[in-house]
C-alpha atoms as a PDB file:
ATOM      1  CA  MET A   1      35.536  -1.365  17.071  1.00  0.00           C
ATOM      2  CA  VAL A   2      35.771   2.428  15.364  1.00  0.00           C
ATOM      3  CA  LEU A   3      35.387   5.608  17.341  1.00  0.00           C
ATOM      4  CA  CYS A   4      33.025   8.191  16.157  1.00  0.00           C
ATOM      5  CA  VAL A   5      34.879  11.424  17.170  1.00  0.00           C
ATOM      6  CA  PRO A   6      31.902  13.660  16.343  1.00  0.00           C
ATOM      7  CA  CYS A   7      29.427  11.669  18.505  1.00  0.00           C
ATOM      8  CA  GLY A   8      31.949  10.520  20.778  1.00  0.00           C
ATOM      9  CA  ALA A   9      30.789   6.999  20.455  1.00  0.00           C
ATOM     10  CA  VAL A  10      32.497   3.436  19.631  1.00  0.00           C
ATOM     11  CA  LEU A  11      30.576   1.783  16.630  1.00  0.00           C
ATOM     12  CA  PRO A  12      31.618  -1.547  15.510  1.00  0.00           C
ATOM     13  CA  PRO A  13      32.878  -1.576  11.916  1.00  0.00           C
ATOM     14  CA  GLY A  14      29.877  -3.442  10.372  1.00  0.00           C
ATOM     15  CA  PHE A  15      27.516  -0.792  11.507  1.00  0.00           C
ATOM     16  CA  LEU A  16      29.656   2.076  10.129  1.00  0.00           C
ATOM     17  CA  ALA A  17      29.941   0.141   6.785  1.00  0.00           C
ATOM     18  CA  GLY A  18      26.061  -0.283   6.865  1.00  0.00           C
ATOM     19  CA  VAL A  19      25.553   3.328   7.239  1.00  0.00           C
ATOM     20  CA  VAL A  20      27.594   4.498   4.851  1.00  0.00           C
ATOM     21  CA  GLY A  21      26.439   1.997   2.566  1.00  0.00           C
ATOM     22  CA  GLU A  22      22.951   3.094   2.843  1.00  0.00           C
ATOM     23  CA  LEU A  23      23.855   7.055   2.444  1.00  0.00           C
ATOM     24  CA  PHE A  24      25.550   5.953  -0.640  1.00  0.00           C
ATOM     25  CA  LEU A  25      22.572   3.705  -2.134  1.00  0.00           C
ATOM     26  CA  ARG A  26      20.594   6.797  -1.376  1.00  0.00           C
ATOM     27  CA  GLY A  27      23.025   9.219  -2.808  1.00  0.00           C
ATOM     28  CA  ALA A  28      23.543   6.911  -5.968  1.00  0.00           C
ATOM     29  CA  ARG A  29      19.374   6.368  -6.550  1.00  0.00           C
ATOM     30  CA  TRP A  30      18.612  10.437  -6.024  1.00  0.00           C
ATOM     31  CA  PHE A  31      21.834  11.135  -8.527  1.00  0.00           C
ATOM     32  CA  PHE A  32      20.217   8.885 -11.403  1.00  0.00           C
ATOM     33  CA  ARG A  33      16.469   9.872 -10.840  1.00  0.00           C
ATOM     34  CA  HIS A  34      18.062  13.610 -11.131  1.00  0.00           C
ATOM     35  CA  LEU A  35      19.681  12.793 -14.205  1.00  0.00           C
ATOM     36  CA  LEU A  36      16.746  10.921 -16.060  1.00  0.00           C
ATOM     37  CA  SER A  37      14.783  14.237 -15.032  1.00  0.00           C
ATOM     38  CA  VAL A  38      17.194  16.261 -16.665  1.00  0.00           C
ATOM     39  CA  ASP A  39      17.570  14.072 -19.860  1.00  0.00           C
ATOM     40  CA  SER A  40      13.885  14.206 -20.528  1.00  0.00           C
END
């Protein structure tokens, strides 16, 4: 279990990894879209 300090909740590591992965994928998608729009 991983302790989430800001929210004061105890979360399973899998949940935390899922949230981080989702944010990373969204950020990467936005980043590449931004790069392509700047290019053209």
